[in-house]
Amino acid sequence: MEKKVYFRMYTILFVINAACYGNENALNALRLARTLLDEPEITIQVFLLGDAVVCAKKGQKTPDGYYNLGKMLQSLIHKKVDVGICGTCIDARGIEETELIDGVHKGTMKELASWVRTSEKILTF
């Protein structure tokens, strides 16, 4: 008789504060998120705060062979990852919503608080 395996769905929230290209914190957060998507029972959410909001800016031009966090975010969005960005943080940096990668939405602290309440795990970078 075949043994049935049941998976419990759970959500992992990535809260990224780190600047995009000053260190590798944001890079490693997105790499881990991408890797976890291979697990069928895991849902990933990403919320960008502070200097990390620049990761969601369209048209990033990185040197050949260098990672591009905008492209990494796009690949997560194409895999149905919900990506929110702090509205206050983009306003403070003079970034307009039209400058954001398609699929990233302007979020609020209320939304982030809701994601925190409903996530089984929260990882901060």
PDB file of N, CA and C in Angstrom:
ATOM      1  N   MET A   1       0.840  -1.170   0.000  1.00  0.00           N
ATOM      2  CA  MET A   1       0.000   0.000   0.000  1.00  0.00           C
ATOM      3  C   MET A   1       0.895   1.247   0.000  1.00  0.00           C
ATOM      4  N   GLU A   2       0.554   2.186  -0.876  1.00  0.00           N
ATOM      5  CA  GLU A   2       1.330   3.423  -0.961  1.00  0.00           C
ATOM      6  C   GLU A   2       1.051   4.318   0.227  1.00  0.00           C
ATOM      7  N   LYS A   3       2.119   4.870   0.749  1.00  0.00           N
ATOM      8  CA  LYS A   3       1.982   5.813   1.859  1.00  0.00           C
ATOM      9  C   LYS A   3       1.789   7.215   1.281  1.00  0.00           C
ATOM     10  N   LYS A   4       0.745   7.899   1.724  1.00  0.00           N
ATOM     11  CA  LYS A   4       0.485   9.249   1.244  1.00  0.00           C
ATOM     12  C   LYS A   4       1.259  10.237   2.105  1.00  0.00           C
ATOM     13  N   VAL A   5       1.832  11.204   1.436  1.00  0.00           N
ATOM     14  CA  VAL A   5       2.565  12.258   2.132  1.00  0.00           C
ATOM     15  C   VAL A   5       1.757  13.540   2.005  1.00  0.00           C
ATOM     16  N   TYR A   6       1.480  14.165   3.125  1.00  0.00           N
ATOM     17  CA  TYR A   6       0.722  15.408   3.133  1.00  0.00           C
ATOM     18  C   TYR A   6       1.640  16.553   3.528  1.00  0.00           C
ATOM     19  N   PHE A   7       1.577  17.619   2.766  1.00  0.00           N
ATOM     20  CA  PHE A   7       2.357  18.804   3.067  1.00  0.00           C
ATOM     21  C   PHE A   7       1.431  19.872   3.634  1.00  0.00           C
ATOM     22  N   ARG A   8       1.922  20.563   4.636  1.00  0.00           N
ATOM     23  CA  ARG A   8       1.192  21.703   5.166  1.00  0.00           C
ATOM     24  C   ARG A   8       1.780  22.947   4.522  1.00  0.00           C
ATOM     25  N   MET A   9       0.947  23.743   3.900  1.00  0.00           N
ATOM     26  CA  MET A   9       1.415  24.979   3.286  1.00  0.00           C
ATOM     27  C   MET A   9       1.814  25.968   4.374  1.00  0.00           C
ATOM     28  N   TYR A  10       2.917  26.637   4.166  1.00  0.00           N
ATOM     29  CA  TYR A  10       3.275  27.710   5.084  1.00  0.00           C
ATOM     30  C   TYR A  10       4.000  28.820   4.347  1.00  0.00           C
ATOM     31  N   THR A  11       3.967  30.007   4.965  1.00  0.00           N
ATOM     32  CA  THR A  11       4.493  31.217   4.353  1.00  0.00           C
ATOM     33  C   THR A  11       5.759  31.666   5.053  1.00  0.00           C
ATOM     34  N   ILE A  12       6.744  32.040   4.246  1.00  0.00           N
ATOM     35  CA  ILE A  12       7.971  32.638   4.760  1.00  0.00           C
ATOM     36  C   ILE A  12       8.028  34.068   4.229  1.00  0.00           C
ATOM     37  N   LEU A  13       8.161  35.007   5.141  1.00  0.00           N
ATOM     38  CA  LEU A  13       8.251  36.425   4.801  1.00  0.00           C
ATOM     39  C   LEU A  13       9.704  36.866   4.873  1.00  0.00           C
ATOM     40  N   PHE A  14      10.173  37.465   3.800  1.00  0.00           N
ATOM     41  CA  PHE A  14      11.507  38.060   3.759  1.00  0.00           C
ATOM     42  C   PHE A  14      11.349  39.570   3.892  1.00  0.00           C
ATOM     43  N   VAL A  15      11.911  40.140   4.939  1.00  0.00           N
ATOM     44  CA  VAL A  15      11.927  41.587   5.118  1.00  0.00           C
ATOM     45  C   VAL A  15      13.361  42.030   4.831  1.00  0.00           C
ATOM     46  N   ILE A  16      13.514  42.800   3.773  1.00  0.00           N
ATOM     47  CA  ILE A  16      14.854  43.209   3.345  1.00  0.00           C
ATOM     48  C   ILE A  16      15.008  44.708   3.567  1.00  0.00           C
ATOM     49  N   ASN A  17      16.014  45.073   4.365  1.00  0.00           N
ATOM     50  CA  ASN A  17      16.343  46.469   4.661  1.00  0.00           C
ATOM     51  C   ASN A  17      17.656  46.896   4.016  1.00  0.00           C
ATOM     52  N   ALA A  18      18.488  45.935   3.680  1.00  0.00           N
ATOM     53  CA  ALA A  18      19.863  46.210   3.252  1.00  0.00           C
ATOM     54  C   ALA A  18      19.915  46.889   1.887  1.00  0.00           C
ATOM     55  N   ALA A  19      20.891  47.765   1.736  1.00  0.00           N
ATOM     56  CA  ALA A  19      21.131  48.407   0.440  1.00  0.00           C
ATOM     57  C   ALA A  19      21.445  47.331  -0.599  1.00  0.00           C
ATOM     58  N   CYS A  20      21.107  47.626  -1.828  1.00  0.00           N
ATOM     59  CA  CYS A  20      21.235  46.625  -2.897  1.00  0.00           C
ATOM     60  C   CYS A  20      22.663  46.207  -3.193  1.00  0.00           C
ATOM     61  N   TYR A  21      23.526  47.155  -3.341  1.00  0.00           N
ATOM     62  CA  TYR A  21      24.842  46.835  -3.870  1.00  0.00           C
ATOM     63  C   TYR A  21      25.999  47.267  -2.970  1.00  0.00           C
ATOM     64  N   GLY A  22      25.784  47.450  -1.683  1.00  0.00           N
ATOM     65  CA  GLY A  22      26.883  47.794  -0.783  1.00  0.00           C
ATOM     66  C   GLY A  22      27.427  46.575  -0.063  1.00  0.00           C
ATOM     67  N   ASN A  23      26.583  45.575   0.041  1.00  0.00           N
ATOM     68  CA  ASN A  23      26.944  44.299   0.668  1.00  0.00           C
ATOM     69  C   ASN A  23      26.119  43.225  -0.036  1.00  0.00           C
ATOM     70  N   GLU A  24      26.175  42.023   0.444  1.00  0.00           N
ATOM     71  CA  GLU A  24      25.457  40.938  -0.238  1.00  0.00           C
ATOM     72  C   GLU A  24      24.221  40.466   0.521  1.00  0.00           C
ATOM     73  N   ASN A  25      23.743  41.247   1.477  1.00  0.00           N
ATOM     74  CA  ASN A  25      22.572  40.830   2.255  1.00  0.00           C
ATOM     75  C   ASN A  25      21.333  40.656   1.382  1.00  0.00           C
ATOM     76  N   ALA A  26      21.015  41.661   0.574  1.00  0.00           N
ATOM     77  CA  ALA A  26      19.830  41.566  -0.289  1.00  0.00           C
ATOM     78  C   ALA A  26      19.999  40.441  -1.307  1.00  0.00           C
ATOM     79  N   LEU A  27      21.196  40.317  -1.850  1.00  0.00           N
ATOM     80  CA  LEU A  27      21.476  39.231  -2.798  1.00  0.00           C
ATOM     81  C   LEU A  27      21.196  37.878  -2.160  1.00  0.00           C
ATOM     82  N   ASN A  28      21.721  37.657  -0.978  1.00  0.00           N
ATOM     83  CA  ASN A  28      21.543  36.360  -0.324  1.00  0.00           C
ATOM     84  C   ASN A  28      20.093  36.115   0.077  1.00  0.00           C
ATOM     85  N   ALA A  29      19.371  37.166   0.436  1.00  0.00           N
ATOM     86  CA  ALA A  29      17.944  37.018   0.739  1.00  0.00           C
ATOM     87  C   ALA A  29      17.195  36.514  -0.492  1.00  0.00           C
ATOM     88  N   LEU A  30      17.452  37.132  -1.634  1.00  0.00           N
ATOM     89  CA  LEU A  30      16.752  36.736  -2.859  1.00  0.00           C
ATOM     90  C   LEU A  30      17.197  35.369  -3.355  1.00  0.00           C
ATOM     91  N   ARG A  31      18.453  35.035  -3.161  1.00  0.00           N
ATOM     92  CA  ARG A  31      18.927  33.692  -3.522  1.00  0.00           C
ATOM     93  C   ARG A  31      18.213  32.632  -2.687  1.00  0.00           C
ATOM     94  N   LEU A  32      18.097  32.887  -1.386  1.00  0.00           N
ATOM     95  CA  LEU A  32      17.416  31.935  -0.510  1.00  0.00           C
ATOM     96  C   LEU A  32      15.937  31.834  -0.871  1.00  0.00           C
ATOM     97  N   ALA A  33      15.299  32.966  -1.134  1.00  0.00           N
ATOM     98  CA  ALA A  33      13.887  32.951  -1.530  1.00  0.00           C
ATOM     99  C   ALA A  33      13.700  32.113  -2.786  1.00  0.00           C
ATOM    100  N   ARG A  34      14.581  32.308  -3.755  1.00  0.00           N
ATOM    101  CA  ARG A  34      14.494  31.552  -5.013  1.00  0.00           C
ATOM    102  C   ARG A  34      14.671  30.056  -4.764  1.00  0.00           C
ATOM    103  N   THR A  35      15.592  29.703  -3.891  1.00  0.00           N
ATOM    104  CA  THR A  35      15.835  28.292  -3.577  1.00  0.00           C
ATOM    105  C   THR A  35      14.642  27.672  -2.865  1.00  0.00           C
ATOM    106  N   LEU A  36      14.047  28.409  -1.942  1.00  0.00           N
ATOM    107  CA  LEU A  36      12.900  27.887  -1.194  1.00  0.00           C
ATOM    108  C   LEU A  36      11.675  27.672  -2.076  1.00  0.00           C
ATOM    109  N   LEU A  37      11.608  28.364  -3.198  1.00  0.00           N
ATOM    110  CA  LEU A  37      10.477  28.170  -4.111  1.00  0.00           C
ATOM    111  C   LEU A  37      10.439  26.768  -4.697  1.00  0.00           C
ATOM    112  N   ASP A  38      11.545  26.045  -4.604  1.00  0.00           N
ATOM    113  CA  ASP A  38      11.566  24.662  -5.077  1.00  0.00           C
ATOM    114  C   ASP A  38      10.751  23.739  -4.174  1.00  0.00           C
ATOM    115  N   GLU A  39      10.430  24.200  -2.983  1.00  0.00           N
ATOM    116  CA  GLU A  39       9.629  23.410  -2.039  1.00  0.00           C
ATOM    117  C   GLU A  39       8.151  23.693  -2.308  1.00  0.00           C
ATOM    118  N   PRO A  40       7.377  22.690  -2.687  1.00  0.00           N
ATOM    119  CA  PRO A  40       5.989  22.936  -3.097  1.00  0.00           C
ATOM    120  C   PRO A  40       5.084  23.456  -1.985  1.00  0.00           C
ATOM    121  N   GLU A  41       5.448  23.225  -0.742  1.00  0.00           N
ATOM    122  CA  GLU A  41       4.568  23.632   0.355  1.00  0.00           C
ATOM    123  C   GLU A  41       4.854  25.041   0.871  1.00  0.00           C
ATOM    124  N   ILE A  42       5.810  25.733   0.274  1.00  0.00           N
ATOM    125  CA  ILE A  42       6.217  27.039   0.785  1.00  0.00           C
ATOM    126  C   ILE A  42       5.722  28.163  -0.121  1.00  0.00           C
ATOM    127  N   THR A  43       5.145  29.184   0.501  1.00  0.00           N
ATOM    128  CA  THR A  43       4.788  30.427  -0.168  1.00  0.00           C
ATOM    129  C   THR A  43       5.760  31.492   0.323  1.00  0.00           C
ATOM    130  N   ILE A  44       6.259  32.291  -0.599  1.00  0.00           N
ATOM    131  CA  ILE A  44       7.228  33.331  -0.261  1.00  0.00           C
ATOM    132  C   ILE A  44       6.587  34.701  -0.455  1.00  0.00           C
ATOM    133  N   GLN A  45       6.853  35.605   0.492  1.00  0.00           N
ATOM    134  CA  GLN A  45       6.507  37.017   0.358  1.00  0.00           C
ATOM    135  C   GLN A  45       7.779  37.815   0.619  1.00  0.00           C
ATOM    136  N   VAL A  46       7.937  38.928  -0.092  1.00  0.00           N
ATOM    137  CA  VAL A  46       9.102  39.796   0.080  1.00  0.00           C
ATOM    138  C   VAL A  46       8.605  41.213   0.309  1.00  0.00           C
ATOM    139  N   PHE A  47       9.141  41.866   1.348  1.00  0.00           N
ATOM    140  CA  PHE A  47       8.812  43.270   1.598  1.00  0.00           C
ATOM    141  C   PHE A  47      10.119  44.038   1.700  1.00  0.00           C
ATOM    142  N   LEU A  48      10.241  45.092   0.884  1.00  0.00           N
ATOM    143  CA  LEU A  48      11.453  45.907   0.839  1.00  0.00           C
ATOM    144  C   LEU A  48      11.249  47.189   1.639  1.00  0.00           C
ATOM    145  N   LEU A  49      12.220  47.473   2.510  1.00  0.00           N
ATOM    146  CA  LEU A  49      12.187  48.669   3.357  1.00  0.00           C
ATOM    147  C   LEU A  49      13.500  49.432   3.224  1.00  0.00           C
ATOM    148  N   GLY A  50      13.494  50.691   3.625  1.00  0.00           N
ATOM    149  CA  GLY A  50      14.728  51.474   3.677  1.00  0.00           C
ATOM    150  C   GLY A  50      15.452  51.476   2.344  1.00  0.00           C
ATOM    151  N   ASP A  51      16.779  51.346   2.409  1.00  0.00           N
ATOM    152  CA  ASP A  51      17.585  51.386   1.187  1.00  0.00           C
ATOM    153  C   ASP A  51      17.321  50.213   0.252  1.00  0.00           C
ATOM    154  N   ALA A  52      16.687  49.168   0.737  1.00  0.00           N
ATOM    155  CA  ALA A  52      16.389  48.009  -0.116  1.00  0.00           C
ATOM    156  C   ALA A  52      15.362  48.330  -1.198  1.00  0.00           C
ATOM    157  N   VAL A  53      14.616  49.422  -1.043  1.00  0.00           N
ATOM    158  CA  VAL A  53      13.605  49.740  -2.059  1.00  0.00           C
ATOM    159  C   VAL A  53      14.237  49.983  -3.427  1.00  0.00           C
ATOM    160  N   VAL A  54      15.497  50.381  -3.452  1.00  0.00           N
ATOM    161  CA  VAL A  54      16.181  50.624  -4.724  1.00  0.00           C
ATOM    162  C   VAL A  54      16.325  49.321  -5.519  1.00  0.00           C
ATOM    163  N   CYS A  55      16.275  48.183  -4.850  1.00  0.00           N
ATOM    164  CA  CYS A  55      16.347  46.885  -5.539  1.00  0.00           C
ATOM    165  C   CYS A  55      15.209  46.721  -6.544  1.00  0.00           C
ATOM    166  N   ALA A  56      14.102  47.410  -6.326  1.00  0.00           N
ATOM    167  CA  ALA A  56      12.921  47.258  -7.179  1.00  0.00           C
ATOM    168  C   ALA A  56      12.848  48.304  -8.285  1.00  0.00           C
ATOM    169  N   LYS A  57      13.897  49.070  -8.466  1.00  0.00           N
ATOM    170  CA  LYS A  57      13.906  50.108  -9.494  1.00  0.00           C
ATOM    171  C   LYS A  57      14.181  49.486 -10.863  1.00  0.00           C
ATOM    172  N   LYS A  58      13.392  49.903 -11.850  1.00  0.00           N
ATOM    173  CA  LYS A  58      13.577  49.446 -13.237  1.00  0.00           C
ATOM    174  C   LYS A  58      14.912  49.937 -13.782  1.00  0.00           C
ATOM    175  N   GLY A  59      15.416  49.221 -14.769  1.00  0.00           N
ATOM    176  CA  GLY A  59      16.545  49.704 -15.552  1.00  0.00           C
ATOM    177  C   GLY A  59      17.892  49.687 -14.863  1.00  0.00           C
ATOM    178  N   GLN A  60      18.074  48.806 -13.900  1.00  0.00           N
ATOM    179  CA  GLN A  60      19.376  48.726 -13.239  1.00  0.00           C
ATOM    180  C   GLN A  60      20.419  48.237 -14.239  1.00  0.00           C
ATOM    181  N   LYS A  61      21.544  48.930 -14.271  1.00  0.00           N
ATOM    182  CA  LYS A  61      22.624  48.562 -15.198  1.00  0.00           C
ATOM    183  C   LYS A  61      23.832  48.154 -14.374  1.00  0.00           C
ATOM    184  N   THR A  62      24.038  46.867 -14.283  1.00  0.00           N
ATOM    185  CA  THR A  62      25.173  46.348 -13.524  1.00  0.00           C
ATOM    186  C   THR A  62      26.246  45.873 -14.506  1.00  0.00           C
ATOM    187  N   PRO A  63      27.505  45.850 -14.073  1.00  0.00           N
ATOM    188  CA  PRO A  63      28.576  45.385 -14.965  1.00  0.00           C
ATOM    189  C   PRO A  63      28.346  43.932 -15.396  1.00  0.00           C
ATOM    190  N   ASP A  64      28.877  43.578 -16.552  1.00  0.00           N
ATOM    191  CA  ASP A  64      28.782  42.194 -17.033  1.00  0.00           C
ATOM    192  C   ASP A  64      29.327  41.244 -15.976  1.00  0.00           C
ATOM    193  N   GLY A  65      28.596  40.182 -15.732  1.00  0.00           N
ATOM    194  CA  GLY A  65      29.019  39.181 -14.764  1.00  0.00           C
ATOM    195  C   GLY A  65      28.647  39.507 -13.332  1.00  0.00           C
ATOM    196  N   TYR A  66      28.051  40.679 -13.100  1.00  0.00           N
ATOM    197  CA  TYR A  66      27.666  41.096 -11.753  1.00  0.00           C
ATOM    198  C   TYR A  66      26.179  40.830 -11.576  1.00  0.00           C
ATOM    199  N   TYR A  67      25.781  40.439 -10.392  1.00  0.00           N
ATOM    200  CA  TYR A  67      24.365  40.147 -10.158  1.00  0.00           C
ATOM    201  C   TYR A  67      23.521  41.409 -10.292  1.00  0.00           C
ATOM    202  N   ASN A  68      22.264  41.217 -10.722  1.00  0.00           N
ATOM    203  CA  ASN A  68      21.316  42.311 -10.888  1.00  0.00           C
ATOM    204  C   ASN A  68      20.087  41.981 -10.049  1.00  0.00           C
ATOM    205  N   LEU A  69      19.911  42.709  -8.952  1.00  0.00           N
ATOM    206  CA  LEU A  69      18.812  42.405  -8.034  1.00  0.00           C
ATOM    207  C   LEU A  69      17.449  42.691  -8.647  1.00  0.00           C
ATOM    208  N   GLY A  70      17.376  43.635  -9.555  1.00  0.00           N
ATOM    209  CA  GLY A  70      16.117  43.893 -10.244  1.00  0.00           C
ATOM    210  C   GLY A  70      15.669  42.679 -11.040  1.00  0.00           C
ATOM    211  N   LYS A  71      16.604  42.067 -11.756  1.00  0.00           N
ATOM    212  CA  LYS A  71      16.274  40.862 -12.532  1.00  0.00           C
ATOM    213  C   LYS A  71      15.921  39.698 -11.610  1.00  0.00           C
ATOM    214  N   MET A  72      16.603  39.621 -10.470  1.00  0.00           N
ATOM    215  CA  MET A  72      16.281  38.550  -9.517  1.00  0.00           C
ATOM    216  C   MET A  72      14.868  38.731  -8.968  1.00  0.00           C
ATOM    217  N   LEU A  73      14.494  39.975  -8.657  1.00  0.00           N
ATOM    218  CA  LEU A  73      13.127  40.237  -8.190  1.00  0.00           C
ATOM    219  C   LEU A  73      12.113  39.881  -9.272  1.00  0.00           C
ATOM    220  N   GLN A  74      12.409  40.252 -10.513  1.00  0.00           N
ATOM    221  CA  GLN A  74      11.505  39.928 -11.618  1.00  0.00           C
ATOM    222  C   GLN A  74      11.282  38.428 -11.731  1.00  0.00           C
ATOM    223  N   SER A  75      12.340  37.652 -11.569  1.00  0.00           N
ATOM    224  CA  SER A  75      12.182  36.198 -11.678  1.00  0.00           C
ATOM    225  C   SER A  75      11.313  35.660 -10.545  1.00  0.00           C
ATOM    226  N   LEU A  76      11.423  36.243  -9.355  1.00  0.00           N
ATOM    227  CA  LEU A  76      10.557  35.822  -8.245  1.00  0.00           C
ATOM    228  C   LEU A  76       9.104  36.188  -8.524  1.00  0.00           C
ATOM    229  N   ILE A  77       8.892  37.384  -9.044  1.00  0.00           N
ATOM    230  CA  ILE A  77       7.530  37.832  -9.362  1.00  0.00           C
ATOM    231  C   ILE A  77       6.906  36.914 -10.413  1.00  0.00           C
ATOM    232  N   HIS A  78       7.689  36.501 -11.402  1.00  0.00           N
ATOM    233  CA  HIS A  78       7.177  35.586 -12.430  1.00  0.00           C
ATOM    234  C   HIS A  78       6.790  34.230 -11.842  1.00  0.00           C
ATOM    235  N   LYS A  79       7.350  33.916 -10.676  1.00  0.00           N
ATOM    236  CA  LYS A  79       7.000  32.663  -9.996  1.00  0.00           C
ATOM    237  C   LYS A  79       5.928  32.894  -8.932  1.00  0.00           C
ATOM    238  N   LYS A  80       5.209  33.999  -9.065  1.00  0.00           N
ATOM    239  CA  LYS A  80       4.049  34.319  -8.217  1.00  0.00           C
ATOM    240  C   LYS A  80       4.414  34.726  -6.786  1.00  0.00           C
ATOM    241  N   VAL A  81       5.633  35.238  -6.578  1.00  0.00           N
ATOM    242  CA  VAL A  81       6.004  35.767  -5.265  1.00  0.00           C
ATOM    243  C   VAL A  81       5.420  37.169  -5.146  1.00  0.00           C
ATOM    244  N   ASP A  82       4.772  37.444  -4.025  1.00  0.00           N
ATOM    245  CA  ASP A  82       4.206  38.760  -3.753  1.00  0.00           C
ATOM    246  C   ASP A  82       5.321  39.658  -3.226  1.00  0.00           C
ATOM    247  N   VAL A  83       5.588  40.770  -3.929  1.00  0.00           N
ATOM    248  CA  VAL A  83       6.650  41.696  -3.531  1.00  0.00           C
ATOM    249  C   VAL A  83       6.033  43.055  -3.226  1.00  0.00           C
ATOM    250  N   GLY A  84       6.151  43.459  -1.962  1.00  0.00           N
ATOM    251  CA  GLY A  84       5.686  44.769  -1.526  1.00  0.00           C
ATOM    252  C   GLY A  84       6.865  45.675  -1.250  1.00  0.00           C
ATOM    253  N   ILE A  85       6.618  46.963  -1.336  1.00  0.00           N
ATOM    254  CA  ILE A  85       7.680  47.943  -1.119  1.00  0.00           C
ATOM    255  C   ILE A  85       7.121  49.060  -0.247  1.00  0.00           C
ATOM    256  N   CYS A  86       7.913  49.532   0.681  1.00  0.00           N
ATOM    257  CA  CYS A  86       7.486  50.575   1.611  1.00  0.00           C
ATOM    258  C   CYS A  86       7.234  51.883   0.859  1.00  0.00           C
ATOM    259  N   GLY A  87       5.995  52.336   0.884  1.00  0.00           N
ATOM    260  CA  GLY A  87       5.639  53.576   0.199  1.00  0.00           C
ATOM    261  C   GLY A  87       6.355  54.788   0.764  1.00  0.00           C
ATOM    262  N   THR A  88       6.463  54.873   2.079  1.00  0.00           N
ATOM    263  CA  THR A  88       7.170  55.987   2.713  1.00  0.00           C
ATOM    264  C   THR A  88       8.635  55.992   2.292  1.00  0.00           C
ATOM    265  N   CYS A  89       9.224  54.810   2.188  1.00  0.00           N
ATOM    266  CA  CYS A  89      10.647  54.688   1.833  1.00  0.00           C
ATOM    267  C   CYS A  89      10.915  55.118   0.395  1.00  0.00           C
ATOM    268  N   ILE A  90      10.020  54.765  -0.538  1.00  0.00           N
ATOM    269  CA  ILE A  90      10.257  55.206  -1.921  1.00  0.00           C
ATOM    270  C   ILE A  90      10.012  56.705  -2.047  1.00  0.00           C
ATOM    271  N   ASP A  91       9.026  57.210  -1.327  1.00  0.00           N
ATOM    272  CA  ASP A  91       8.780  58.653  -1.354  1.00  0.00           C
ATOM    273  C   ASP A  91      10.000  59.414  -0.840  1.00  0.00           C
ATOM    274  N   ALA A  92      10.602  58.932   0.244  1.00  0.00           N
ATOM    275  CA  ALA A  92      11.772  59.592   0.836  1.00  0.00           C
ATOM    276  C   ALA A  92      12.962  59.590  -0.126  1.00  0.00           C
ATOM    277  N   ARG A  93      13.001  58.633  -1.035  1.00  0.00           N
ATOM    278  CA  ARG A  93      14.117  58.521  -1.976  1.00  0.00           C
ATOM    279  C   ARG A  93      13.781  59.082  -3.354  1.00  0.00           C
ATOM    280  N   GLY A  94      12.609  59.690  -3.472  1.00  0.00           N
ATOM    281  CA  GLY A  94      12.218  60.309  -4.738  1.00  0.00           C
ATOM    282  C   GLY A  94      11.950  59.320  -5.848  1.00  0.00           C
ATOM    283  N   ILE A  95      11.564  58.105  -5.486  1.00  0.00           N
ATOM    284  CA  ILE A  95      11.272  57.074  -6.483  1.00  0.00           C
ATOM    285  C   ILE A  95       9.766  57.042  -6.726  1.00  0.00           C
ATOM    286  N   GLU A  96       9.379  57.175  -7.983  1.00  0.00           N
ATOM    287  CA  GLU A  96       7.965  57.132  -8.360  1.00  0.00           C
ATOM    288  C   GLU A  96       7.540  55.684  -8.597  1.00  0.00           C
ATOM    289  N   GLU A  97       6.263  55.414  -8.410  1.00  0.00           N
ATOM    290  CA  GLU A  97       5.751  54.057  -8.654  1.00  0.00           C
ATOM    291  C   GLU A  97       6.003  53.605 -10.090  1.00  0.00           C
ATOM    292  N   THR A  98       5.994  54.537 -11.027  1.00  0.00           N
ATOM    293  CA  THR A  98       6.230  54.198 -12.434  1.00  0.00           C
ATOM    294  C   THR A  98       7.663  53.728 -12.679  1.00  0.00           C
ATOM    295  N   GLU A  99       8.562  53.978 -11.730  1.00  0.00           N
ATOM    296  CA  GLU A  99       9.960  53.563 -11.864  1.00  0.00           C
ATOM    297  C   GLU A  99      10.206  52.162 -11.315  1.00  0.00           C
ATOM    298  N   LEU A 100       9.163  51.539 -10.776  1.00  0.00           N
ATOM    299  CA  LEU A 100       9.318  50.223 -10.156  1.00  0.00           C
ATOM    300  C   LEU A 100       9.144  49.103 -11.175  1.00  0.00           C
ATOM    301  N   ILE A 101       9.792  48.010 -10.909  1.00  0.00           N
ATOM    302  CA  ILE A 101       9.650  46.800 -11.711  1.00  0.00           C
ATOM    303  C   ILE A 101       8.181  46.386 -11.722  1.00  0.00           C
ATOM    304  N   ASP A 102       7.700  45.953 -12.873  1.00  0.00           N
ATOM    305  CA  ASP A 102       6.318  45.480 -12.970  1.00  0.00           C
ATOM    306  C   ASP A 102       6.095  44.332 -11.993  1.00  0.00           C
ATOM    307  N   GLY A 103       4.991  44.409 -11.269  1.00  0.00           N
ATOM    308  CA  GLY A 103       4.649  43.362 -10.310  1.00  0.00           C
ATOM    309  C   GLY A 103       4.974  43.716  -8.877  1.00  0.00           C
ATOM    310  N   VAL A 104       5.806  44.737  -8.674  1.00  0.00           N
ATOM    311  CA  VAL A 104       6.085  45.214  -7.313  1.00  0.00           C
ATOM    312  C   VAL A 104       4.981  46.200  -6.956  1.00  0.00           C
ATOM    313  N   HIS A 105       4.422  46.074  -5.767  1.00  0.00           N
ATOM    314  CA  HIS A 105       3.370  47.014  -5.397  1.00  0.00           C
ATOM    315  C   HIS A 105       3.779  47.862  -4.193  1.00  0.00           C
ATOM    316  N   LYS A 106       3.294  49.096  -4.202  1.00  0.00           N
ATOM    317  CA  LYS A 106       3.556  50.027  -3.110  1.00  0.00           C
ATOM    318  C   LYS A 106       2.734  49.583  -1.906  1.00  0.00           C
ATOM    319  N   GLY A 107       3.429  49.229  -0.847  1.00  0.00           N
ATOM    320  CA  GLY A 107       2.765  48.716   0.343  1.00  0.00           C
ATOM    321  C   GLY A 107       2.777  49.713   1.492  1.00  0.00           C
ATOM    322  N   THR A 108       2.252  49.255   2.603  1.00  0.00           N
ATOM    323  CA  THR A 108       2.154  50.079   3.807  1.00  0.00           C
ATOM    324  C   THR A 108       2.616  49.265   5.009  1.00  0.00           C
ATOM    325  N   MET A 109       2.813  49.947   6.116  1.00  0.00           N
ATOM    326  CA  MET A 109       3.146  49.247   7.359  1.00  0.00           C
ATOM    327  C   MET A 109       1.989  48.347   7.790  1.00  0.00           C
ATOM    328  N   LYS A 110       0.776  48.763   7.490  1.00  0.00           N
ATOM    329  CA  LYS A 110      -0.387  47.938   7.832  1.00  0.00           C
ATOM    330  C   LYS A 110      -0.334  46.611   7.074  1.00  0.00           C
ATOM    331  N   GLU A 111       0.026  46.675   5.800  1.00  0.00           N
ATOM    332  CA  GLU A 111       0.159  45.444   5.018  1.00  0.00           C
ATOM    333  C   GLU A 111       1.287  44.581   5.566  1.00  0.00           C
ATOM    334  N   LEU A 112       2.439  45.197   5.851  1.00  0.00           N
ATOM    335  CA  LEU A 112       3.561  44.441   6.404  1.00  0.00           C
ATOM    336  C   LEU A 112       3.163  43.792   7.721  1.00  0.00           C
ATOM    337  N   ALA A 113       2.445  44.521   8.567  1.00  0.00           N
ATOM    338  CA  ALA A 113       1.987  43.958   9.844  1.00  0.00           C
ATOM    339  C   ALA A 113       1.087  42.746   9.610  1.00  0.00           C
ATOM    340  N   SER A 114       0.236  42.820   8.610  1.00  0.00           N
ATOM    341  CA  SER A 114      -0.634  41.692   8.275  1.00  0.00           C
ATOM    342  C   SER A 114       0.192  40.495   7.805  1.00  0.00           C
ATOM    343  N   TRP A 115       1.189  40.745   6.978  1.00  0.00           N
ATOM    344  CA  TRP A 115       2.057  39.662   6.509  1.00  0.00           C
ATOM    345  C   TRP A 115       2.806  39.031   7.675  1.00  0.00           C
ATOM    346  N   VAL A 116       3.258  39.857   8.614  1.00  0.00           N
ATOM    347  CA  VAL A 116       3.961  39.336   9.796  1.00  0.00           C
ATOM    348  C   VAL A 116       3.033  38.421  10.587  1.00  0.00           C
ATOM    349  N   ARG A 117       1.797  38.857  10.789  1.00  0.00           N
ATOM    350  CA  ARG A 117       0.831  38.061  11.565  1.00  0.00           C
ATOM    351  C   ARG A 117       0.519  36.721  10.914  1.00  0.00           C
ATOM    352  N   THR A 118       0.530  36.670   9.595  1.00  0.00           N
ATOM    353  CA  THR A 118       0.096  35.450   8.905  1.00  0.00           C
ATOM    354  C   THR A 118       1.252  34.570   8.424  1.00  0.00           C
ATOM    355  N   SER A 119       2.478  34.976   8.680  1.00  0.00           N
ATOM    356  CA  SER A 119       3.642  34.188   8.256  1.00  0.00           C
ATOM    357  C   SER A 119       4.092  33.248   9.359  1.00  0.00           C
ATOM    358  N   GLU A 120       4.492  32.062   8.952  1.00  0.00           N
ATOM    359  CA  GLU A 120       5.032  31.107   9.921  1.00  0.00           C
ATOM    360  C   GLU A 120       6.489  31.420  10.253  1.00  0.00           C
ATOM    361  N   LYS A 121       7.207  31.967   9.282  1.00  0.00           N
ATOM    362  CA  LYS A 121       8.612  32.333   9.500  1.00  0.00           C
ATOM    363  C   LYS A 121       8.852  33.708   8.910  1.00  0.00           C
ATOM    364  N   ILE A 122       9.689  34.491   9.599  1.00  0.00           N
ATOM    365  CA  ILE A 122      10.056  35.826   9.131  1.00  0.00           C
ATOM    366  C   ILE A 122      11.573  35.912   9.143  1.00  0.00           C
ATOM    367  N   LEU A 123      12.139  36.207   7.983  1.00  0.00           N
ATOM    368  CA  LEU A 123      13.584  36.344   7.857  1.00  0.00           C
ATOM    369  C   LEU A 123      13.898  37.794   7.519  1.00  0.00           C
ATOM    370  N   THR A 124      14.841  38.387   8.237  1.00  0.00           N
ATOM    371  CA  THR A 124      15.211  39.776   7.970  1.00  0.00           C
ATOM    372  C   THR A 124      16.648  39.851   7.479  1.00  0.00           C
ATOM    373  N   PHE A 125      16.845  40.699   6.497  1.00  0.00           N
ATOM    374  CA  PHE A 125      18.168  40.894   5.909  1.00  0.00           C
ATOM    375  C   PHE A 125      18.451  42.382   5.823  1.00  0.00           C
TER     376      PHE A 125
END
